[in-house]
Amino acid sequence: LGVYMTRVQKAYAFDKMFAVIVFVSAIS
């Protein structure tokens, strides 16, 4: 997930980045 988050951040896909943050929070 960290690698995927870095990739979407570099692509300026901030909606996907926030989606990953929500997903990580849900897992925790």
PDB file of all heavy atoms in Angstrom:
ATOM      1  N   LEU A   1       0.818  -1.214   0.000  1.00  0.00           N
ATOM      2  CA  LEU A   1       0.000   0.000   0.000  1.00  0.00           C
ATOM      3  C   LEU A   1       0.851   1.264   0.000  1.00  0.00           C
ATOM      4  O   LEU A   1       0.475   2.273  -0.589  1.00  0.00           O
ATOM      5  CB  LEU A   1      -0.941  -0.007   1.215  1.00  0.00           C
ATOM      6  CG  LEU A   1      -2.084  -1.026   1.169  1.00  0.00           C
ATOM      7  CD1 LEU A   1      -2.804  -1.086   2.508  1.00  0.00           C
ATOM      8  CD2 LEU A   1      -3.079  -0.674   0.063  1.00  0.00           C
ATOM      9  N   GLY A   2       2.011   1.218   0.679  1.00  0.00           N
ATOM     10  CA  GLY A   2       2.906   2.373   0.697  1.00  0.00           C
ATOM     11  C   GLY A   2       3.467   2.678  -0.680  1.00  0.00           C
ATOM     12  O   GLY A   2       3.558   3.846  -1.092  1.00  0.00           O
ATOM     13  N   VAL A   3       3.851   1.627  -1.415  1.00  0.00           N
ATOM     14  CA  VAL A   3       4.362   1.779  -2.781  1.00  0.00           C
ATOM     15  C   VAL A   3       3.264   2.321  -3.691  1.00  0.00           C
ATOM     16  O   VAL A   3       3.491   3.237  -4.494  1.00  0.00           O
ATOM     17  CB  VAL A   3       4.892   0.428  -3.320  1.00  0.00           C
ATOM     18  CG1 VAL A   3       5.326   0.553  -4.782  1.00  0.00           C
ATOM     19  CG2 VAL A   3       6.054  -0.067  -2.470  1.00  0.00           C
ATOM     20  N   TYR A   4       2.056   1.765  -3.550  1.00  0.00           N
ATOM     21  CA  TYR A   4       0.910   2.214  -4.359  1.00  0.00           C
ATOM     22  C   TYR A   4       0.581   3.685  -4.054  1.00  0.00           C
ATOM     23  O   TYR A   4       0.309   4.469  -4.972  1.00  0.00           O
ATOM     24  CB  TYR A   4      -0.295   1.327  -4.070  1.00  0.00           C
ATOM     25  CG  TYR A   4      -1.546   1.712  -4.825  1.00  0.00           C
ATOM     26  CD1 TYR A   4      -1.620   1.554  -6.202  1.00  0.00           C
ATOM     27  CD2 TYR A   4      -2.652   2.243  -4.148  1.00  0.00           C
ATOM     28  CE1 TYR A   4      -2.767   1.914  -6.893  1.00  0.00           C
ATOM     29  CE2 TYR A   4      -3.788   2.599  -4.836  1.00  0.00           C
ATOM     30  CZ  TYR A   4      -3.851   2.429  -6.206  1.00  0.00           C
ATOM     31  OH  TYR A   4      -4.989   2.795  -6.896  1.00  0.00           O
ATOM     32  N   MET A   5       0.643   4.052  -2.774  1.00  0.00           N
ATOM     33  CA  MET A   5       0.364   5.439  -2.386  1.00  0.00           C
ATOM     34  C   MET A   5       1.387   6.392  -3.014  1.00  0.00           C
ATOM     35  O   MET A   5       1.029   7.485  -3.475  1.00  0.00           O
ATOM     36  CB  MET A   5       0.396   5.557  -0.861  1.00  0.00           C
ATOM     37  CG  MET A   5      -0.074   6.913  -0.346  1.00  0.00           C
ATOM     38  SD  MET A   5       0.046   7.047   1.461  1.00  0.00           S
ATOM     39  CE  MET A   5      -1.311   6.009   1.961  1.00  0.00           C
ATOM     40  N   THR A   6       2.652   5.985  -3.037  1.00  0.00           N
ATOM     41  CA  THR A   6       3.704   6.813  -3.654  1.00  0.00           C
ATOM     42  C   THR A   6       3.451   7.001  -5.142  1.00  0.00           C
ATOM     43  O   THR A   6       3.632   8.100  -5.680  1.00  0.00           O
ATOM     44  CB  THR A   6       5.085   6.153  -3.436  1.00  0.00           C
ATOM     45  OG1 THR A   6       5.277   5.914  -2.042  1.00  0.00           O
ATOM     46  CG2 THR A   6       6.206   7.037  -3.934  1.00  0.00           C
ATOM     47  N   ARG A   7       3.011   5.942  -5.798  1.00  0.00           N
ATOM     48  CA  ARG A   7       2.756   6.015  -7.247  1.00  0.00           C
ATOM     49  C   ARG A   7       1.604   6.960  -7.573  1.00  0.00           C
ATOM     50  O   ARG A   7       1.706   7.781  -8.483  1.00  0.00           O
ATOM     51  CB  ARG A   7       2.449   4.610  -7.791  1.00  0.00           C
ATOM     52  CG  ARG A   7       3.668   3.715  -7.873  1.00  0.00           C
ATOM     53  CD  ARG A   7       3.288   2.297  -8.240  1.00  0.00           C
ATOM     54  NE  ARG A   7       4.445   1.402  -8.227  1.00  0.00           N
ATOM     55  CZ  ARG A   7       4.360   0.080  -8.263  1.00  0.00           C
ATOM     56  NH1 ARG A   7       3.166  -0.514  -8.310  1.00  0.00           N
ATOM     57  NH2 ARG A   7       5.461  -0.655  -8.255  1.00  0.00           N
ATOM     58  N   VAL A   8       0.495   6.865  -6.831  1.00  0.00           N
ATOM     59  CA  VAL A   8      -0.662   7.732  -7.119  1.00  0.00           C
ATOM     60  C   VAL A   8      -0.362   9.180  -6.732  1.00  0.00           C
ATOM     61  O   VAL A   8      -0.887  10.115  -7.346  1.00  0.00           O
ATOM     62  CB  VAL A   8      -1.952   7.227  -6.421  1.00  0.00           C
ATOM     63  CG1 VAL A   8      -2.343   5.851  -6.946  1.00  0.00           C
ATOM     64  CG2 VAL A   8      -1.827   7.206  -4.908  1.00  0.00           C
ATOM     65  N   GLN A   9       0.506   9.356  -5.728  1.00  0.00           N
ATOM     66  CA  GLN A   9       0.906  10.713  -5.342  1.00  0.00           C
ATOM     67  C   GLN A   9       1.715  11.370  -6.459  1.00  0.00           C
ATOM     68  O   GLN A   9       1.501  12.543  -6.787  1.00  0.00           O
ATOM     69  CB  GLN A   9       1.726  10.671  -4.051  1.00  0.00           C
ATOM     70  CG  GLN A   9       2.124  12.053  -3.538  1.00  0.00           C
ATOM     71  CD  GLN A   9       3.043  11.976  -2.333  1.00  0.00           C
ATOM     72  OE1 GLN A   9       3.546  10.912  -2.011  1.00  0.00           O
ATOM     73  NE2 GLN A   9       3.264  13.095  -1.686  1.00  0.00           N
ATOM     74  N   LYS A  10       2.631  10.601  -7.045  1.00  0.00           N
ATOM     75  CA  LYS A  10       3.452  11.127  -8.134  1.00  0.00           C
ATOM     76  C   LYS A  10       2.609  11.417  -9.383  1.00  0.00           C
ATOM     77  O   LYS A  10       2.970  12.266 -10.195  1.00  0.00           O
ATOM     78  CB  LYS A  10       4.576  10.142  -8.476  1.00  0.00           C
ATOM     79  CG  LYS A  10       5.673  10.098  -7.415  1.00  0.00           C
ATOM     80  CD  LYS A  10       6.750   9.096  -7.755  1.00  0.00           C
ATOM     81  CE  LYS A  10       7.836   9.082  -6.683  1.00  0.00           C
ATOM     82  NZ  LYS A  10       8.876   8.059  -6.961  1.00  0.00           N
ATOM     83  N   ALA A  11       1.482  10.688  -9.514  1.00  0.00           N
ATOM     84  CA  ALA A  11       0.575  10.916 -10.639  1.00  0.00           C
ATOM     85  C   ALA A  11      -0.445  12.015 -10.331  1.00  0.00           C
ATOM     86  O   ALA A  11      -1.324  12.292 -11.159  1.00  0.00           O
ATOM     87  CB  ALA A  11      -0.160   9.620 -10.984  1.00  0.00           C
ATOM     88  N   TYR A  12      -0.331  12.641  -9.152  1.00  0.00           N
ATOM     89  CA  TYR A  12      -1.246  13.699  -8.689  1.00  0.00           C
ATOM     90  C   TYR A  12      -2.702  13.224  -8.633  1.00  0.00           C
ATOM     91  O   TYR A  12      -3.620  14.016  -8.808  1.00  0.00           O
ATOM     92  CB  TYR A  12      -1.126  14.951  -9.581  1.00  0.00           C
ATOM     93  CG  TYR A  12       0.232  15.594  -9.499  1.00  0.00           C
ATOM     94  CD1 TYR A  12       1.192  15.351 -10.482  1.00  0.00           C
ATOM     95  CD2 TYR A  12       0.578  16.410  -8.438  1.00  0.00           C
ATOM     96  CE1 TYR A  12       2.462  15.917 -10.407  1.00  0.00           C
ATOM     97  CE2 TYR A  12       1.840  16.986  -8.344  1.00  0.00           C
ATOM     98  CZ  TYR A  12       2.778  16.724  -9.340  1.00  0.00           C
ATOM     99  OH  TYR A  12       4.033  17.287  -9.253  1.00  0.00           O
ATOM    100  N   ALA A  13      -2.880  11.919  -8.403  1.00  0.00           N
ATOM    101  CA  ALA A  13      -4.237  11.354  -8.248  1.00  0.00           C
ATOM    102  C   ALA A  13      -4.578  11.375  -6.759  1.00  0.00           C
ATOM    103  O   ALA A  13      -4.553  10.349  -6.085  1.00  0.00           O
ATOM    104  CB  ALA A  13      -4.289   9.944  -8.813  1.00  0.00           C
ATOM    105  N   PHE A  14      -4.895  12.567  -6.245  1.00  0.00           N
ATOM    106  CA  PHE A  14      -5.090  12.724  -4.805  1.00  0.00           C
ATOM    107  C   PHE A  14      -6.351  12.036  -4.294  1.00  0.00           C
ATOM    108  O   PHE A  14      -6.437  11.691  -3.123  1.00  0.00           O
ATOM    109  CB  PHE A  14      -5.101  14.210  -4.433  1.00  0.00           C
ATOM    110  CG  PHE A  14      -3.772  14.887  -4.644  1.00  0.00           C
ATOM    111  CD1 PHE A  14      -3.641  15.940  -5.512  1.00  0.00           C
ATOM    112  CD2 PHE A  14      -2.643  14.427  -3.986  1.00  0.00           C
ATOM    113  CE1 PHE A  14      -2.410  16.547  -5.719  1.00  0.00           C
ATOM    114  CE2 PHE A  14      -1.409  15.026  -4.169  1.00  0.00           C
ATOM    115  CZ  PHE A  14      -1.290  16.086  -5.049  1.00  0.00           C
ATOM    116  N   ASP A  15      -7.343  11.846  -5.175  1.00  0.00           N
ATOM    117  CA  ASP A  15      -8.543  11.100  -4.765  1.00  0.00           C
ATOM    118  C   ASP A  15      -8.173   9.648  -4.436  1.00  0.00           C
ATOM    119  O   ASP A  15      -8.644   9.084  -3.443  1.00  0.00           O
ATOM    120  CB  ASP A  15      -9.621  11.166  -5.851  1.00  0.00           C
ATOM    121  CG  ASP A  15      -9.118  10.723  -7.217  1.00  0.00           C
ATOM    122  OD1 ASP A  15      -7.884  10.665  -7.419  1.00  0.00           O
ATOM    123  OD2 ASP A  15      -9.965  10.426  -8.082  1.00  0.00           O
ATOM    124  N   LYS A  16      -7.273   9.068  -5.242  1.00  0.00           N
ATOM    125  CA  LYS A  16      -6.818   7.697  -4.984  1.00  0.00           C
ATOM    126  C   LYS A  16      -5.958   7.643  -3.718  1.00  0.00           C
ATOM    127  O   LYS A  16      -6.006   6.675  -2.963  1.00  0.00           O
ATOM    128  CB  LYS A  16      -6.020   7.163  -6.175  1.00  0.00           C
ATOM    129  CG  LYS A  16      -6.865   6.928  -7.422  1.00  0.00           C
ATOM    130  CD  LYS A  16      -6.013   6.410  -8.562  1.00  0.00           C
ATOM    131  CE  LYS A  16      -6.862   6.213  -9.820  1.00  0.00           C
ATOM    132  NZ  LYS A  16      -6.037   5.745 -10.957  1.00  0.00           N
ATOM    133  N   MET A  17      -5.170   8.698  -3.508  1.00  0.00           N
ATOM    134  CA  MET A  17      -4.318   8.742  -2.314  1.00  0.00           C
ATOM    135  C   MET A  17      -5.163   8.781  -1.045  1.00  0.00           C
ATOM    136  O   MET A  17      -4.888   8.066  -0.072  1.00  0.00           O
ATOM    137  CB  MET A  17      -3.393   9.943  -2.376  1.00  0.00           C
ATOM    138  CG  MET A  17      -2.201   9.832  -1.438  1.00  0.00           C
ATOM    139  SD  MET A  17      -1.000  11.120  -1.713  1.00  0.00           S
ATOM    140  CE  MET A  17      -1.459  12.258  -0.430  1.00  0.00           C
ATOM    141  N   PHE A  18      -6.216   9.608  -1.053  1.00  0.00           N
ATOM    142  CA  PHE A  18      -7.120   9.665   0.096  1.00  0.00           C
ATOM    143  C   PHE A  18      -7.843   8.333   0.286  1.00  0.00           C
ATOM    144  O   PHE A  18      -8.108   7.919   1.410  1.00  0.00           O
ATOM    145  CB  PHE A  18      -8.133  10.798  -0.085  1.00  0.00           C
ATOM    146  CG  PHE A  18      -7.652  12.128   0.421  1.00  0.00           C
ATOM    147  CD1 PHE A  18      -6.880  12.954  -0.376  1.00  0.00           C
ATOM    148  CD2 PHE A  18      -7.944  12.555   1.711  1.00  0.00           C
ATOM    149  CE1 PHE A  18      -6.423  14.182   0.086  1.00  0.00           C
ATOM    150  CE2 PHE A  18      -7.498  13.773   2.195  1.00  0.00           C
ATOM    151  CZ  PHE A  18      -6.731  14.588   1.380  1.00  0.00           C
ATOM    152  N   ALA A  19      -8.158   7.667  -0.826  1.00  0.00           N
ATOM    153  CA  ALA A  19      -8.816   6.353  -0.752  1.00  0.00           C
ATOM    154  C   ALA A  19      -7.911   5.335  -0.054  1.00  0.00           C
ATOM    155  O   ALA A  19      -8.378   4.528   0.759  1.00  0.00           O
ATOM    156  CB  ALA A  19      -9.179   5.865  -2.155  1.00  0.00           C
ATOM    157  N   VAL A  20      -6.609   5.395  -0.344  1.00  0.00           N
ATOM    158  CA  VAL A  20      -5.643   4.498   0.314  1.00  0.00           C
ATOM    159  C   VAL A  20      -5.567   4.809   1.808  1.00  0.00           C
ATOM    160  O   VAL A  20      -5.502   3.893   2.638  1.00  0.00           O
ATOM    161  CB  VAL A  20      -4.238   4.611  -0.326  1.00  0.00           C
ATOM    162  CG1 VAL A  20      -3.254   3.699   0.393  1.00  0.00           C
ATOM    163  CG2 VAL A  20      -4.278   4.249  -1.794  1.00  0.00           C
ATOM    164  N   ILE A  21      -5.589   6.095   2.155  1.00  0.00           N
ATOM    165  CA  ILE A  21      -5.549   6.500   3.572  1.00  0.00           C
ATOM    166  C   ILE A  21      -6.754   5.928   4.313  1.00  0.00           C
ATOM    167  O   ILE A  21      -6.617   5.380   5.421  1.00  0.00           O
ATOM    168  CB  ILE A  21      -5.502   8.041   3.698  1.00  0.00           C
ATOM    169  CG1 ILE A  21      -4.173   8.581   3.184  1.00  0.00           C
ATOM    170  CG2 ILE A  21      -5.703   8.463   5.156  1.00  0.00           C
ATOM    171  CD1 ILE A  21      -4.126  10.082   3.010  1.00  0.00           C
ATOM    172  N   VAL A  22      -7.936   6.035   3.704  1.00  0.00           N
ATOM    173  CA  VAL A  22      -9.161   5.479   4.300  1.00  0.00           C
ATOM    174  C   VAL A  22      -9.035   3.966   4.442  1.00  0.00           C
ATOM    175  O   VAL A  22      -9.417   3.385   5.470  1.00  0.00           O
ATOM    176  CB  VAL A  22     -10.397   5.850   3.441  1.00  0.00           C
ATOM    177  CG1 VAL A  22     -11.644   5.119   3.939  1.00  0.00           C
ATOM    178  CG2 VAL A  22     -10.631   7.352   3.455  1.00  0.00           C
ATOM    179  N   PHE A  23      -8.478   3.325   3.415  1.00  0.00           N
ATOM    180  CA  PHE A  23      -8.319   1.869   3.418  1.00  0.00           C
ATOM    181  C   PHE A  23      -7.376   1.422   4.539  1.00  0.00           C
ATOM    182  O   PHE A  23      -7.662   0.456   5.252  1.00  0.00           O
ATOM    183  CB  PHE A  23      -7.779   1.426   2.054  1.00  0.00           C
ATOM    184  CG  PHE A  23      -7.803  -0.059   1.831  1.00  0.00           C
ATOM    185  CD1 PHE A  23      -8.996  -0.728   1.626  1.00  0.00           C
ATOM    186  CD2 PHE A  23      -6.630  -0.792   1.827  1.00  0.00           C
ATOM    187  CE1 PHE A  23      -9.026  -2.096   1.425  1.00  0.00           C
ATOM    188  CE2 PHE A  23      -6.645  -2.163   1.630  1.00  0.00           C
ATOM    189  CZ  PHE A  23      -7.851  -2.816   1.424  1.00  0.00           C
ATOM    190  N   VAL A  24      -6.246   2.127   4.708  1.00  0.00           N
ATOM    191  CA  VAL A  24      -5.283   1.809   5.778  1.00  0.00           C
ATOM    192  C   VAL A  24      -5.925   1.995   7.149  1.00  0.00           C
ATOM    193  O   VAL A  24      -5.748   1.166   8.055  1.00  0.00           O
ATOM    194  CB  VAL A  24      -4.012   2.696   5.644  1.00  0.00           C
ATOM    195  CG1 VAL A  24      -3.124   2.562   6.880  1.00  0.00           C
ATOM    196  CG2 VAL A  24      -3.233   2.333   4.397  1.00  0.00           C
ATOM    197  N   SER A  25      -6.702   3.071   7.305  1.00  0.00           N
ATOM    198  CA  SER A  25      -7.406   3.319   8.574  1.00  0.00           C
ATOM    199  C   SER A  25      -8.398   2.200   8.877  1.00  0.00           C
ATOM    200  O   SER A  25      -8.505   1.752  10.029  1.00  0.00           O
ATOM    201  CB  SER A  25      -8.145   4.660   8.521  1.00  0.00           C
ATOM    202  OG  SER A  25      -7.253   5.724   8.334  1.00  0.00           O
ATOM    203  N   ALA A  26      -9.098   1.741   7.835  1.00  0.00           N
ATOM    204  CA  ALA A  26     -10.078   0.658   8.005  1.00  0.00           C
ATOM    205  C   ALA A  26      -9.398  -0.634   8.451  1.00  0.00           C
ATOM    206  O   ALA A  26      -9.896  -1.340   9.344  1.00  0.00           O
ATOM    207  CB  ALA A  26     -10.844   0.435   6.699  1.00  0.00           C
ATOM    208  N   ILE A  27      -8.245  -0.950   7.849  1.00  0.00           N
ATOM    209  CA  ILE A  27      -7.497  -2.155   8.232  1.00  0.00           C
ATOM    210  C   ILE A  27      -7.035  -2.058   9.688  1.00  0.00           C
ATOM    211  O   ILE A  27      -7.155  -3.028  10.454  1.00  0.00           O
ATOM    212  CB  ILE A  27      -6.277  -2.363   7.301  1.00  0.00           C
ATOM    213  CG1 ILE A  27      -6.734  -2.719   5.891  1.00  0.00           C
ATOM    214  CG2 ILE A  27      -5.375  -3.473   7.839  1.00  0.00           C
ATOM    215  CD1 ILE A  27      -5.617  -2.760   4.869  1.00  0.00           C
ATOM    216  N   SER A  28      -6.527  -0.901  10.073  1.00  0.00           N
ATOM    217  CA  SER A  28      -6.062  -0.695  11.456  1.00  0.00           C
ATOM    218  C   SER A  28      -7.210  -0.871  12.451  1.00  0.00           C
ATOM    219  O   SER A  28      -7.038  -1.502  13.504  1.00  0.00           O
ATOM    220  CB  SER A  28      -5.448   0.697  11.607  1.00  0.00           C
ATOM    221  OG  SER A  28      -4.310   0.841  10.788  1.00  0.00           O
TER     222      SER A  28
END
